[in-house]
PDB file of N, CA and C in Angstrom:
ATOM      1  N   MET A   1     148.543 136.647 132.601  1.00  0.00           N
ATOM      2  CA  MET A   1     147.891 136.820 133.884  1.00  0.00           C
ATOM      3  C   MET A   1     147.192 135.604 134.332  1.00  0.00           C
ATOM      4  N   THR A   2     147.199 135.273 135.573  1.00  0.00           N
ATOM      5  CA  THR A   2     146.577 134.144 136.160  1.00  0.00           C
ATOM      6  C   THR A   2     145.055 134.307 136.162  1.00  0.00           C
ATOM      7  N   LYS A   3     144.312 133.313 135.828  1.00  0.00           N
ATOM      8  CA  LYS A   3     142.879 133.306 135.862  1.00  0.00           C
ATOM      9  C   LYS A   3     142.395 132.625 137.123  1.00  0.00           C
ATOM     10  N   ILE A   4     141.539 133.268 137.920  1.00  0.00           N
ATOM     11  CA  ILE A   4     141.065 132.837 139.225  1.00  0.00           C
ATOM     12  C   ILE A   4     139.563 132.930 139.303  1.00  0.00           C
ATOM     13  N   ILE A   5     138.961 131.937 139.868  1.00  0.00           N
ATOM     14  CA  ILE A   5     137.514 131.974 140.179  1.00  0.00           C
ATOM     15  C   ILE A   5     137.517 131.862 141.692  1.00  0.00           C
ATOM     16  N   GLU A   6     137.084 132.901 142.409  1.00  0.00           N
ATOM     17  CA  GLU A   6     137.032 132.961 143.846  1.00  0.00           C
ATOM     18  C   GLU A   6     135.545 132.827 144.307  1.00  0.00           C
ATOM     19  N   VAL A   7     135.310 131.846 145.231  1.00  0.00           N
ATOM     20  CA  VAL A   7     133.993 131.643 145.764  1.00  0.00           C
ATOM     21  C   VAL A   7     134.085 132.034 147.256  1.00  0.00           C
ATOM     22  N   THR A   8     133.226 132.839 147.771  1.00  0.00           N
ATOM     23  CA  THR A   8     133.214 133.280 149.108  1.00  0.00           C
ATOM     24  C   THR A   8     131.811 132.949 149.669  1.00  0.00           C
ATOM     25  N   VAL A   9     131.827 132.290 150.860  1.00  0.00           N
ATOM     26  CA  VAL A   9     130.595 131.856 151.563  1.00  0.00           C
ATOM     27  C   VAL A   9     130.598 132.563 152.922  1.00  0.00           C
ATOM     28  N   SER A  10     129.626 133.401 153.110  1.00  0.00           N
ATOM     29  CA  SER A  10     129.545 134.115 154.420  1.00  0.00           C
ATOM     30  C   SER A  10     128.943 133.175 155.486  1.00  0.00           C
ATOM     31  N   PRO A  11     129.183 133.530 156.789  1.00  0.00           N
ATOM     32  CA  PRO A  11     128.666 132.745 157.855  1.00  0.00           C
ATOM     33  C   PRO A  11     127.083 132.585 157.748  1.00  0.00           C
ATOM     34  N   ALA A  12     126.344 133.531 157.108  1.00  0.00           N
ATOM     35  CA  ALA A  12     124.962 133.416 156.909  1.00  0.00           C
ATOM     36  C   ALA A  12     124.598 132.524 155.756  1.00  0.00           C
ATOM     37  N   GLY A  13     125.575 131.978 154.984  1.00  0.00           N
ATOM     38  CA  GLY A  13     125.348 131.151 153.853  1.00  0.00           C
ATOM     39  C   GLY A  13     125.279 131.798 152.541  1.00  0.00           C
ATOM     40  N   GLU A  14     125.362 133.142 152.528  1.00  0.00           N
ATOM     41  CA  GLU A  14     125.368 133.868 151.208  1.00  0.00           C
ATOM     42  C   GLU A  14     126.746 133.592 150.498  1.00  0.00           C
ATOM     43  N   THR A  15     126.594 133.398 149.195  1.00  0.00           N
ATOM     44  CA  THR A  15     127.719 133.134 148.397  1.00  0.00           C
ATOM     45  C   THR A  15     128.057 134.266 147.419  1.00  0.00           C
ATOM     46  N   LYS A  16     129.299 134.383 147.088  1.00  0.00           N
ATOM     47  CA  LYS A  16     129.744 135.385 146.108  1.00  0.00           C
ATOM     48  C   LYS A  16     130.814 134.722 145.259  1.00  0.00           C
ATOM     49  N   VAL A  17     130.645 134.885 143.876  1.00  0.00           N
ATOM     50  CA  VAL A  17     131.628 134.356 142.882  1.00  0.00           C
ATOM     51  C   VAL A  17     132.254 135.504 142.304  1.00  0.00           C
ATOM     52  N   GLU A  18     133.612 135.517 142.260  1.00  0.00           N
ATOM     53  CA  GLU A  18     134.224 136.566 141.622  1.00  0.00           C
ATOM     54  C   GLU A  18     135.309 136.018 140.764  1.00  0.00           C
ATOM     55  N   THR A  19     135.395 136.565 139.575  1.00  0.00           N
ATOM     56  CA  THR A  19     136.508 136.119 138.611  1.00  0.00           C
ATOM     57  C   THR A  19     137.510 137.189 138.415  1.00  0.00           C
ATOM     58  N   LYS A  20     138.820 136.707 138.325  1.00  0.00           N
ATOM     59  CA  LYS A  20     139.907 137.626 138.161  1.00  0.00           C
ATOM     60  C   LYS A  20     140.736 137.114 136.965  1.00  0.00           C
ATOM     61  N   GLY A  21     141.203 138.052 136.140  1.00  0.00           N
ATOM     62  CA  GLY A  21     142.127 137.715 135.065  1.00  0.00           C
ATOM     63  C   GLY A  21     141.458 137.312 133.831  1.00  0.00           C
ATOM     64  N   PHE A  22     140.104 137.287 133.761  1.00  0.00           N
ATOM     65  CA  PHE A  22     139.302 137.002 132.568  1.00  0.00           C
ATOM     66  C   PHE A  22     139.013 138.214 131.741  1.00  0.00           C
ATOM     67  N   ALA A  23     138.840 138.168 130.451  1.00  0.00           N
ATOM     68  CA  ALA A  23     138.520 139.329 129.546  1.00  0.00           C
ATOM     69  C   ALA A  23     137.136 139.138 129.022  1.00  0.00           C
ATOM     70  N   GLY A  24     136.383 140.174 129.114  1.00  0.00           N
ATOM     71  CA  GLY A  24     135.064 140.197 128.456  1.00  0.00           C
ATOM     72  C   GLY A  24     134.131 139.136 129.070  1.00  0.00           C
ATOM     73  N   ALA A  25     133.323 138.546 128.196  1.00  0.00           N
ATOM     74  CA  ALA A  25     132.356 137.566 128.663  1.00  0.00           C
ATOM     75  C   ALA A  25     132.960 136.208 128.971  1.00  0.00           C
ATOM     76  N   GLU A  26     134.252 136.042 128.794  1.00  0.00           N
ATOM     77  CA  GLU A  26     134.882 134.713 129.169  1.00  0.00           C
ATOM     78  C   GLU A  26     134.693 134.405 130.581  1.00  0.00           C
ATOM     79  N   CYS A  27     134.610 135.489 131.434  1.00  0.00           N
ATOM     80  CA  CYS A  27     134.368 135.291 132.879  1.00  0.00           C
ATOM     81  C   CYS A  27     133.114 134.571 133.136  1.00  0.00           C
ATOM     82  N   ARG A  28     131.987 134.919 132.376  1.00  0.00           N
ATOM     83  CA  ARG A  28     130.732 134.304 132.600  1.00  0.00           C
ATOM     84  C   ARG A  28     130.796 132.826 132.171  1.00  0.00           C
ATOM     85  N   ASP A  29     131.492 132.606 131.086  1.00  0.00           N
ATOM     86  CA  ASP A  29     131.547 131.178 130.622  1.00  0.00           C
ATOM     87  C   ASP A  29     132.359 130.408 131.665  1.00  0.00           C
ATOM     88  N   ALA A  30     133.353 130.916 132.196  1.00  0.00           N
ATOM     89  CA  ALA A  30     134.249 130.200 133.192  1.00  0.00           C
ATOM     90  C   ALA A  30     133.511 129.835 134.488  1.00  0.00           C
ATOM     91  N   SER A  31     132.692 130.800 134.892  1.00  0.00           N
ATOM     92  CA  SER A  31     131.998 130.600 136.246  1.00  0.00           C
ATOM     93  C   SER A  31     130.608 129.960 136.096  1.00  0.00           C
ATOM     94  N   ALA A  32     130.176 129.713 134.897  1.00  0.00           N
ATOM     95  CA  ALA A  32     128.789 129.224 134.699  1.00  0.00           C
ATOM     96  C   ALA A  32     128.496 127.983 135.465  1.00  0.00           C
ATOM     97  N   PHE A  33     129.490 127.074 135.480  1.00  0.00           N
ATOM     98  CA  PHE A  33     129.155 125.804 136.218  1.00  0.00           C
ATOM     99  C   PHE A  33     128.934 125.973 137.702  1.00  0.00           C
ATOM    100  N   ILE A  34     129.670 126.930 138.287  1.00  0.00           N
ATOM    101  CA  ILE A  34     129.585 127.170 139.707  1.00  0.00           C
ATOM    102  C   ILE A  34     128.241 127.842 139.940  1.00  0.00           C
ATOM    103  N   GLU A  35     127.951 128.839 139.142  1.00  0.00           N
ATOM    104  CA  GLU A  35     126.641 129.538 139.280  1.00  0.00           C
ATOM    105  C   GLU A  35     125.387 128.579 139.227  1.00  0.00           C
ATOM    106  N   LYS A  36     125.509 127.675 138.223  1.00  0.00           N
ATOM    107  CA  LYS A  36     124.427 126.683 137.940  1.00  0.00           C
ATOM    108  C   LYS A  36     124.294 125.838 139.157  1.00  0.00           C
ATOM    109  N   ALA A  37     125.409 125.384 139.795  1.00  0.00           N
ATOM    110  CA  ALA A  37     125.386 124.509 140.992  1.00  0.00           C
ATOM    111  C   ALA A  37     124.738 125.174 142.199  1.00  0.00           C
ATOM    112  N   MET A  38     125.066 126.583 142.302  1.00  0.00           N
ATOM    113  CA  MET A  38     124.555 127.287 143.454  1.00  0.00           C
ATOM    114  C   MET A  38     123.103 127.706 143.402  1.00  0.00           C
ATOM    115  N   GLY A  39     122.526 127.733 142.237  1.00  0.00           N
ATOM    116  CA  GLY A  39     121.091 128.153 142.063  1.00  0.00           C
ATOM    117  C   GLY A  39     120.972 129.516 141.433  1.00  0.00           C
ATOM    118  N   ASN A  40     119.907 130.156 141.682  1.00  0.00           N
ATOM    119  CA  ASN A  40     119.516 131.435 141.126  1.00  0.00           C
ATOM    120  C   ASN A  40     120.402 132.575 141.512  1.00  0.00           C
ATOM    121  N   ARG A  41     120.840 133.435 140.605  1.00  0.00           N
ATOM    122  CA  ARG A  41     121.726 134.576 140.904  1.00  0.00           C
ATOM    123  C   ARG A  41     120.830 135.653 141.464  1.00  0.00           C
ATOM    124  N   GLN A  42     121.264 136.346 142.567  1.00  0.00           N
ATOM    125  CA  GLN A  42     120.571 137.430 143.142  1.00  0.00           C
ATOM    126  C   GLN A  42     121.011 138.758 142.487  1.00  0.00           C
ATOM    127  N   SER A  43     122.268 138.916 142.215  1.00  0.00           N
ATOM    128  CA  SER A  43     122.719 140.087 141.534  1.00  0.00           C
ATOM    129  C   SER A  43     124.065 139.849 140.790  1.00  0.00           C
ATOM    130  N   GLU A  44     124.365 140.776 139.968  1.00  0.00           N
ATOM    131  CA  GLU A  44     125.657 140.657 139.257  1.00  0.00           C
ATOM    132  C   GLU A  44     126.267 141.968 139.101  1.00  0.00           C
ATOM    133  N   THR A  45     127.617 142.116 139.312  1.00  0.00           N
ATOM    134  CA  THR A  45     128.361 143.320 139.158  1.00  0.00           C
ATOM    135  C   THR A  45     129.470 143.034 138.202  1.00  0.00           C
ATOM    136  N   LEU A  46     129.518 143.771 137.085  1.00  0.00           N
ATOM    137  CA  LEU A  46     130.561 143.517 136.006  1.00  0.00           C
ATOM    138  C   LEU A  46     131.763 144.385 136.342  1.00  0.00           C
ATOM    139  N   THR A  47     132.918 143.793 136.213  1.00  0.00           N
ATOM    140  CA  THR A  47     134.173 144.505 136.582  1.00  0.00           C
ATOM    141  C   THR A  47     134.700 145.329 135.383  1.00  0.00           C
ATOM    142  N   ALA A  48     135.716 146.115 135.664  1.00  0.00           N
ATOM    143  CA  ALA A  48     136.356 146.908 134.607  1.00  0.00           C
ATOM    144  C   ALA A  48     137.028 146.028 133.570  1.00  0.00           C
ATOM    145  N   GLU A  49     137.478 144.816 133.963  1.00  0.00           N
ATOM    146  CA  GLU A  49     138.052 143.901 132.932  1.00  0.00           C
ATOM    147  C   GLU A  49     137.000 143.496 131.939  1.00  0.00           C
ATOM    148  N   TYR A  50     135.836 143.260 132.442  1.00  0.00           N
ATOM    149  CA  TYR A  50     134.752 142.876 131.473  1.00  0.00           C
ATOM    150  C   TYR A  50     134.428 143.974 130.500  1.00  0.00           C
ATOM    151  N   HIS A  51     134.321 145.162 130.965  1.00  0.00           N
ATOM    152  CA  HIS A  51     133.985 146.374 130.075  1.00  0.00           C
ATOM    153  C   HIS A  51     135.169 146.675 129.256  1.00  0.00           C
ATOM    154  N   ARG A  52     136.372 146.644 129.724  1.00  0.00           N
ATOM    155  CA  ARG A  52     137.499 146.985 128.843  1.00  0.00           C
ATOM    156  C   ARG A  52     137.602 146.082 127.634  1.00  0.00           C
ATOM    157  N   GLN A  53     137.336 144.781 127.797  1.00  0.00           N
ATOM    158  CA  GLN A  53     137.303 143.951 126.684  1.00  0.00           C
ATOM    159  C   GLN A  53     136.231 144.181 125.718  1.00  0.00           C
ATOM    160  N   GLN A  54     134.993 144.504 126.225  1.00  0.00           N
ATOM    161  CA  GLN A  54     133.894 144.826 125.344  1.00  0.00           C
ATOM    162  C   GLN A  54     134.182 146.042 124.506  1.00  0.00           C
ATOM    163  N   ILE A  55     134.817 147.055 125.107  1.00  0.00           N
ATOM    164  CA  ILE A  55     135.144 148.295 124.378  1.00  0.00           C
ATOM    165  C   ILE A  55     136.172 147.984 123.238  1.00  0.00           C
ATOM    166  N   GLN A  56     137.271 147.150 123.623  1.00  0.00           N
ATOM    167  CA  GLN A  56     138.198 146.859 122.579  1.00  0.00           C
ATOM    168  C   GLN A  56     137.687 146.139 121.412  1.00  0.00           C
ATOM    169  N   GLN A  57     136.802 145.161 121.726  1.00  0.00           N
ATOM    170  CA  GLN A  57     136.114 144.395 120.710  1.00  0.00           C
ATOM    171  C   GLN A  57     135.256 145.324 119.745  1.00  0.00           C
ATOM    172  N   THR A  58     134.474 146.240 120.326  1.00  0.00           N
ATOM    173  CA  THR A  58     133.658 147.115 119.599  1.00  0.00           C
ATOM    174  C   THR A  58     134.546 147.996 118.648  1.00  0.00           C
ATOM    175  N   ASN A  59     135.683 148.447 119.196  1.00  0.00           N
ATOM    176  CA  ASN A  59     136.575 149.326 118.452  1.00  0.00           C
ATOM    177  C   ASN A  59     137.137 148.562 117.177  1.00  0.00           C
ATOM    178  N   ARG A  60     137.458 147.287 117.450  1.00  0.00           N
ATOM    179  CA  ARG A  60     138.000 146.453 116.315  1.00  0.00           C
ATOM    180  C   ARG A  60     136.893 146.262 115.258  1.00  0.00           C
ATOM    181  N   GLU A  61     135.640 146.016 115.652  1.00  0.00           N
ATOM    182  CA  GLU A  61     134.556 145.841 114.656  1.00  0.00           C
ATOM    183  C   GLU A  61     134.362 147.035 113.844  1.00  0.00           C
ATOM    184  N   GLN A  62     134.491 148.252 114.324  1.00  0.00           N
ATOM    185  CA  GLN A  62     134.269 149.483 113.717  1.00  0.00           C
ATOM    186  C   GLN A  62     135.292 149.835 112.683  1.00  0.00           C
ATOM    187  N   VAL A  63     136.548 149.297 112.795  1.00  0.00           N
ATOM    188  CA  VAL A  63     137.613 149.622 111.937  1.00  0.00           C
ATOM    189  C   VAL A  63     137.409 148.954 110.554  1.00  0.00           C
TER     190      VAL A  63
END
């Protein structure tokens, strides 16, 4: 799967960073440099891809 970091800037200057194709916390690592350059984060929404990887990792640790 292709990994994409999409940055959207609204006409009002609000920015949104969205990652696609990343698993678990690797999305945060991949987009950290962009978030750092843009300043303080106002909010964060974690996707199903993030949670799916977290669940799989937890299941492996329990076995």
